[in-house]
């Protein structure tokens, strides 16, 4: 489930969490974006457990990347994840792209087995 950007797992177990980020930079100057998976084990303090990035320049107007993490969910009340997009650029034109018919930017959770 999701609440205020925080995802709670349905059951304990080992999960593969994949965060796909797709962006479009338009006609802007070189810029960089990072997809971050952040996790907590105490339902309070989050830290990055996976980071992936891509560069968009004036010749390459679209880019994508995937951050992946293995998360050991020993307690569904305390172990949670959230996702962050961080941009670094000389321009504010970067657009995170999405679609109602295909996954462009999104998250996949796969339960691999018991903890």
N, C-alpha and C. Protein backbone atom coordinates (compact mmCIF):
# COMPACT_ATOMS: atom_id res chain seq x y z
N UNK A 1 0.84 -1.18 0.00
CA UNK A 1 0.00 0.00 0.00
C UNK A 1 0.88 1.24 0.00
N UNK A 2 0.28 2.36 -0.39
CA UNK A 2 1.02 3.63 -0.45
C UNK A 2 0.25 4.68 0.33
N UNK A 3 0.97 5.48 1.10
CA UNK A 3 0.39 6.61 1.81
C UNK A 3 1.42 7.73 1.88
N UNK A 4 1.09 8.88 1.32
CA UNK A 4 1.98 10.05 1.33
C UNK A 4 3.36 9.73 0.75
N UNK A 5 3.41 8.87 -0.26
CA UNK A 5 4.67 8.52 -0.90
C UNK A 5 5.47 7.43 -0.23
N UNK A 6 4.96 6.88 0.86
CA UNK A 6 5.63 5.80 1.58
C UNK A 6 4.91 4.49 1.26
N UNK A 7 5.68 3.47 0.86
CA UNK A 7 5.11 2.19 0.47
C UNK A 7 5.33 1.17 1.59
N UNK A 8 4.25 0.49 1.97
CA UNK A 8 4.27 -0.56 2.98
C UNK A 8 4.12 -1.90 2.28
N UNK A 9 4.90 -2.87 2.68
CA UNK A 9 4.87 -4.20 2.06
C UNK A 9 3.70 -5.01 2.61
N UNK A 10 3.11 -5.88 1.79
CA UNK A 10 1.95 -6.66 2.23
C UNK A 10 2.29 -7.80 3.19
N UNK A 11 3.52 -8.30 3.11
CA UNK A 11 3.93 -9.40 3.98
C UNK A 11 5.45 -9.38 4.11
N UNK A 12 5.95 -10.09 5.11
CA UNK A 12 7.40 -10.18 5.27
C UNK A 12 7.98 -10.99 4.12
N UNK A 13 9.30 -10.84 3.91
CA UNK A 13 9.97 -11.57 2.84
C UNK A 13 11.10 -10.76 2.26
N UNK A 14 11.77 -11.36 1.30
CA UNK A 14 12.84 -10.70 0.56
C UNK A 14 12.22 -10.19 -0.74
N UNK A 15 12.37 -8.88 -0.99
CA UNK A 15 11.76 -8.25 -2.16
C UNK A 15 12.83 -7.63 -3.06
N UNK A 16 12.60 -7.74 -4.37
CA UNK A 16 13.35 -6.97 -5.35
C UNK A 16 12.49 -5.75 -5.67
N UNK A 17 13.05 -4.56 -5.46
CA UNK A 17 12.34 -3.31 -5.71
C UNK A 17 13.04 -2.62 -6.89
N UNK A 18 12.28 -2.29 -7.92
CA UNK A 18 12.82 -1.67 -9.13
C UNK A 18 12.12 -0.33 -9.34
N UNK A 19 12.91 0.73 -9.47
CA UNK A 19 12.38 2.07 -9.73
C UNK A 19 12.88 2.50 -11.10
N UNK A 20 11.97 2.56 -12.08
CA UNK A 20 12.28 2.99 -13.44
C UNK A 20 11.96 4.47 -13.57
N UNK A 21 12.92 5.25 -14.08
CA UNK A 21 12.75 6.68 -14.27
C UNK A 21 12.98 7.02 -15.74
N UNK A 22 12.02 7.70 -16.34
CA UNK A 22 12.12 8.14 -17.72
C UNK A 22 11.92 9.64 -17.74
N UNK A 23 12.80 10.37 -18.44
CA UNK A 23 12.74 11.83 -18.44
C UNK A 23 12.89 12.38 -19.85
N UNK A 24 12.44 13.60 -19.98
CA UNK A 24 12.59 14.34 -21.23
C UNK A 24 13.13 15.71 -20.88
N UNK A 25 14.19 16.13 -21.58
CA UNK A 25 14.83 17.39 -21.25
C UNK A 25 14.49 18.55 -22.15
N UNK A 26 13.73 18.31 -23.22
CA UNK A 26 13.40 19.41 -24.12
C UNK A 26 14.64 20.00 -24.77
N UNK A 27 14.69 21.29 -24.90
CA UNK A 27 15.82 21.98 -25.53
C UNK A 27 16.75 22.60 -24.51
N UNK A 28 16.87 22.00 -23.37
CA UNK A 28 17.64 22.62 -22.30
C UNK A 28 19.11 22.23 -22.36
N UNK A 29 19.88 22.84 -21.48
CA UNK A 29 21.30 22.53 -21.37
C UNK A 29 21.48 21.18 -20.70
N UNK A 30 22.72 20.70 -20.67
CA UNK A 30 23.00 19.40 -20.07
C UNK A 30 22.46 19.32 -18.65
N UNK A 31 21.90 18.18 -18.31
CA UNK A 31 21.34 17.98 -16.98
C UNK A 31 21.41 16.51 -16.60
N UNK A 32 21.29 16.25 -15.33
CA UNK A 32 21.42 14.90 -14.80
C UNK A 32 20.25 14.64 -13.87
N UNK A 33 19.77 13.39 -13.89
CA UNK A 33 18.72 13.00 -12.96
C UNK A 33 19.10 11.68 -12.32
N UNK A 34 18.68 11.54 -11.08
CA UNK A 34 18.98 10.34 -10.31
C UNK A 34 17.69 9.76 -9.75
N UNK A 35 17.53 8.45 -9.89
CA UNK A 35 16.42 7.71 -9.29
C UNK A 35 16.95 7.09 -8.00
N UNK A 36 16.28 7.38 -6.88
CA UNK A 36 16.74 6.88 -5.59
C UNK A 36 15.65 6.04 -4.93
N UNK A 37 16.06 4.87 -4.43
CA UNK A 37 15.20 4.07 -3.57
C UNK A 37 15.69 4.29 -2.15
N UNK A 38 14.79 4.74 -1.28
CA UNK A 38 15.14 4.98 0.11
C UNK A 38 14.34 4.02 0.98
N UNK A 39 14.99 3.47 2.00
CA UNK A 39 14.34 2.49 2.87
C UNK A 39 14.54 2.85 4.33
N UNK A 40 13.61 2.37 5.14
CA UNK A 40 13.72 2.50 6.59
C UNK A 40 13.49 1.13 7.22
N UNK A 41 14.14 0.89 8.33
CA UNK A 41 13.91 -0.33 9.10
C UNK A 41 13.26 -0.01 10.45
N UNK A 42 13.06 1.30 10.71
CA UNK A 42 12.45 1.72 11.99
C UNK A 42 11.24 2.62 11.79
N UNK A 43 10.70 2.69 10.55
CA UNK A 43 9.56 3.53 10.20
C UNK A 43 9.82 5.00 10.51
N UNK A 44 11.09 5.41 10.43
CA UNK A 44 11.43 6.79 10.76
C UNK A 44 12.57 7.32 9.90
N UNK A 45 13.75 6.75 10.04
CA UNK A 45 14.95 7.23 9.36
C UNK A 45 15.13 6.52 8.03
N UNK A 46 15.15 7.31 6.94
CA UNK A 46 15.33 6.74 5.60
C UNK A 46 16.75 6.98 5.11
N UNK A 47 17.27 6.01 4.39
CA UNK A 47 18.56 6.17 3.73
C UNK A 47 18.48 5.54 2.35
N UNK A 48 19.31 6.03 1.44
CA UNK A 48 19.32 5.51 0.07
C UNK A 48 19.92 4.12 0.05
N UNK A 49 19.20 3.18 -0.55
CA UNK A 49 19.70 1.81 -0.70
C UNK A 49 20.04 1.50 -2.15
N UNK A 50 19.62 2.38 -3.07
CA UNK A 50 19.97 2.23 -4.49
C UNK A 50 19.83 3.59 -5.17
N UNK A 51 20.80 3.88 -6.05
CA UNK A 51 20.78 5.12 -6.82
C UNK A 51 21.22 4.79 -8.24
N UNK A 52 20.49 5.32 -9.21
CA UNK A 52 20.86 5.19 -10.61
C UNK A 52 20.66 6.56 -11.25
N UNK A 53 21.41 6.84 -12.30
CA UNK A 53 21.28 8.16 -12.91
C UNK A 53 21.42 8.13 -14.41
N UNK A 54 21.02 9.24 -15.02
CA UNK A 54 21.19 9.40 -16.45
C UNK A 54 21.44 10.88 -16.77
N UNK A 55 22.02 11.09 -17.94
CA UNK A 55 22.31 12.45 -18.41
C UNK A 55 21.44 12.74 -19.62
N UNK A 56 20.97 13.98 -19.69
CA UNK A 56 20.21 14.44 -20.84
C UNK A 56 20.95 15.66 -21.37
N UNK A 57 21.31 15.64 -22.65
CA UNK A 57 21.97 16.81 -23.23
C UNK A 57 21.16 17.32 -24.41
N UNK A 58 21.66 18.34 -25.07
CA UNK A 58 20.89 18.95 -26.16
C UNK A 58 20.76 18.04 -27.38
N UNK A 59 21.57 16.99 -27.46
CA UNK A 59 21.46 16.04 -28.58
C UNK A 59 20.64 14.82 -28.20
N UNK A 60 20.41 14.60 -26.91
CA UNK A 60 19.71 13.42 -26.42
C UNK A 60 18.58 13.92 -25.51
N UNK A 61 17.41 14.12 -26.07
CA UNK A 61 16.34 14.78 -25.32
C UNK A 61 15.61 13.89 -24.34
N UNK A 62 15.80 12.59 -24.41
CA UNK A 62 15.13 11.67 -23.49
C UNK A 62 16.14 10.67 -22.96
N UNK A 63 15.92 10.22 -21.74
CA UNK A 63 16.81 9.24 -21.13
C UNK A 63 16.04 8.46 -20.08
N UNK A 64 16.57 7.30 -19.72
CA UNK A 64 15.94 6.50 -18.68
C UNK A 64 17.01 5.76 -17.88
N UNK A 65 16.65 5.38 -16.67
CA UNK A 65 17.53 4.59 -15.82
C UNK A 65 16.67 3.78 -14.86
N UNK A 66 17.28 2.78 -14.22
CA UNK A 66 16.59 1.94 -13.25
C UNK A 66 17.46 1.76 -12.01
N UNK A 67 16.87 2.03 -10.86
CA UNK A 67 17.52 1.72 -9.58
C UNK A 67 16.88 0.43 -9.07
N UNK A 68 17.73 -0.46 -8.53
CA UNK A 68 17.24 -1.76 -8.05
C UNK A 68 17.82 -2.05 -6.68
N UNK A 69 16.99 -2.60 -5.81
CA UNK A 69 17.45 -2.92 -4.46
C UNK A 69 16.77 -4.20 -3.97
N UNK A 70 17.51 -4.96 -3.19
CA UNK A 70 16.95 -6.10 -2.47
C UNK A 70 16.62 -5.60 -1.07
N UNK A 71 15.36 -5.75 -0.66
CA UNK A 71 14.93 -5.28 0.65
C UNK A 71 14.44 -6.47 1.47
N UNK A 72 15.03 -6.64 2.66
CA UNK A 72 14.65 -7.71 3.58
C UNK A 72 13.59 -7.17 4.52
N UNK A 73 12.35 -7.54 4.27
CA UNK A 73 11.23 -7.05 5.07
C UNK A 73 10.98 -8.03 6.21
N UNK A 74 11.55 -7.70 7.36
CA UNK A 74 11.39 -8.56 8.54
C UNK A 74 10.19 -8.15 9.39
N UNK A 75 9.70 -6.93 9.16
CA UNK A 75 8.58 -6.40 9.92
C UNK A 75 7.85 -5.41 9.03
N UNK A 76 6.60 -5.69 8.69
CA UNK A 76 5.87 -4.82 7.75
C UNK A 76 5.48 -3.47 8.35
N UNK A 77 5.52 -3.34 9.66
CA UNK A 77 5.22 -2.05 10.30
C UNK A 77 6.41 -1.10 10.26
N UNK A 78 7.62 -1.64 10.22
CA UNK A 78 8.83 -0.82 10.31
C UNK A 78 9.61 -0.69 9.02
N UNK A 79 9.63 -1.72 8.18
CA UNK A 79 10.41 -1.70 6.94
C UNK A 79 9.53 -1.17 5.81
N UNK A 80 9.92 0.00 5.28
CA UNK A 80 9.14 0.65 4.23
C UNK A 80 10.10 1.29 3.24
N UNK A 81 9.57 1.66 2.08
CA UNK A 81 10.39 2.33 1.07
C UNK A 81 9.66 3.56 0.54
N UNK A 82 10.47 4.49 0.02
CA UNK A 82 9.96 5.65 -0.70
C UNK A 82 10.92 5.93 -1.85
N UNK A 83 10.48 6.77 -2.78
CA UNK A 83 11.25 6.99 -3.99
C UNK A 83 11.47 8.48 -4.19
N UNK A 84 12.64 8.82 -4.74
CA UNK A 84 12.98 10.22 -4.92
C UNK A 84 13.64 10.40 -6.28
N UNK A 85 13.30 11.51 -6.95
CA UNK A 85 13.98 11.92 -8.18
C UNK A 85 14.76 13.17 -7.84
N UNK A 86 16.06 13.13 -8.10
CA UNK A 86 16.92 14.28 -7.84
C UNK A 86 17.46 14.78 -9.17
N UNK A 87 17.35 16.07 -9.41
CA UNK A 87 17.84 16.67 -10.64
C UNK A 87 18.99 17.62 -10.35
N UNK A 88 19.96 17.62 -11.24
CA UNK A 88 21.06 18.57 -11.19
C UNK A 88 21.23 19.11 -12.60
N UNK A 89 21.04 20.42 -12.75
CA UNK A 89 21.16 20.98 -14.09
C UNK A 89 21.25 22.49 -14.03
N UNK A 90 21.50 23.06 -15.19
CA UNK A 90 21.46 24.50 -15.33
C UNK A 90 20.10 24.95 -15.82
N UNK A 91 19.17 24.03 -15.92
CA UNK A 91 17.85 24.33 -16.46
C UNK A 91 16.79 23.62 -15.63
N UNK A 92 15.60 24.17 -15.59
CA UNK A 92 14.51 23.53 -14.85
C UNK A 92 13.49 22.90 -15.79
N UNK A 93 13.92 22.57 -17.01
CA UNK A 93 13.00 22.05 -18.02
C UNK A 93 12.81 20.54 -17.98
N UNK A 94 13.50 19.82 -17.11
CA UNK A 94 13.40 18.37 -17.10
C UNK A 94 12.00 17.93 -16.71
N UNK A 95 11.45 16.99 -17.47
CA UNK A 95 10.12 16.47 -17.22
C UNK A 95 10.21 14.97 -16.97
N UNK A 96 9.68 14.50 -15.86
CA UNK A 96 9.55 13.06 -15.61
C UNK A 96 8.32 12.61 -16.39
N UNK A 97 8.51 11.62 -17.26
CA UNK A 97 7.42 11.22 -18.15
C UNK A 97 6.68 10.00 -17.63
N UNK A 98 5.41 9.95 -17.96
CA UNK A 98 4.55 8.83 -17.58
C UNK A 98 3.54 8.55 -18.67
N UNK A 99 2.74 7.54 -18.47
CA UNK A 99 1.74 7.16 -19.45
C UNK A 99 0.65 6.36 -18.74
N UNK A 100 -0.57 6.46 -19.25
CA UNK A 100 -1.66 5.66 -18.70
C UNK A 100 -1.74 4.28 -19.36
N UNK A 101 -0.98 4.04 -20.42
CA UNK A 101 -1.06 2.78 -21.14
C UNK A 101 0.22 1.94 -21.09
N UNK A 102 1.32 2.52 -20.57
CA UNK A 102 2.58 1.78 -20.47
C UNK A 102 3.42 2.36 -19.34
N UNK A 103 4.24 1.52 -18.74
CA UNK A 103 5.09 2.03 -17.66
C UNK A 103 6.31 2.72 -18.24
N UNK A 104 6.43 4.00 -17.95
CA UNK A 104 7.62 4.77 -18.31
C UNK A 104 8.40 5.11 -17.05
N UNK A 105 7.71 5.72 -16.11
CA UNK A 105 8.27 5.95 -14.78
C UNK A 105 7.38 5.19 -13.82
N UNK A 106 7.97 4.33 -13.01
CA UNK A 106 7.14 3.54 -12.10
C UNK A 106 7.98 2.62 -11.24
N UNK A 107 7.29 1.86 -10.42
CA UNK A 107 7.93 1.00 -9.45
C UNK A 107 7.38 -0.41 -9.60
N UNK A 108 8.26 -1.41 -9.49
CA UNK A 108 7.87 -2.82 -9.51
C UNK A 108 8.38 -3.47 -8.22
N UNK A 109 7.51 -4.23 -7.57
CA UNK A 109 7.88 -4.99 -6.37
C UNK A 109 7.74 -6.48 -6.70
N UNK A 110 8.80 -7.26 -6.47
CA UNK A 110 8.76 -8.70 -6.72
C UNK A 110 9.22 -9.40 -5.43
N UNK A 111 8.32 -10.23 -4.87
CA UNK A 111 8.68 -11.00 -3.67
C UNK A 111 9.48 -12.21 -4.11
N UNK A 112 10.73 -12.29 -3.63
CA UNK A 112 11.62 -13.38 -4.03
C UNK A 112 11.51 -14.61 -3.15
N UNK A 113 11.15 -14.41 -1.88
CA UNK A 113 11.04 -15.55 -0.97
C UNK A 113 10.93 -15.08 0.46
N UNK A 114 10.98 -16.05 1.36
CA UNK A 114 10.86 -15.78 2.79
C UNK A 114 12.13 -15.14 3.34
N UNK A 115 11.96 -14.35 4.39
CA UNK A 115 13.08 -13.73 5.04
C UNK A 115 13.76 -14.70 6.00
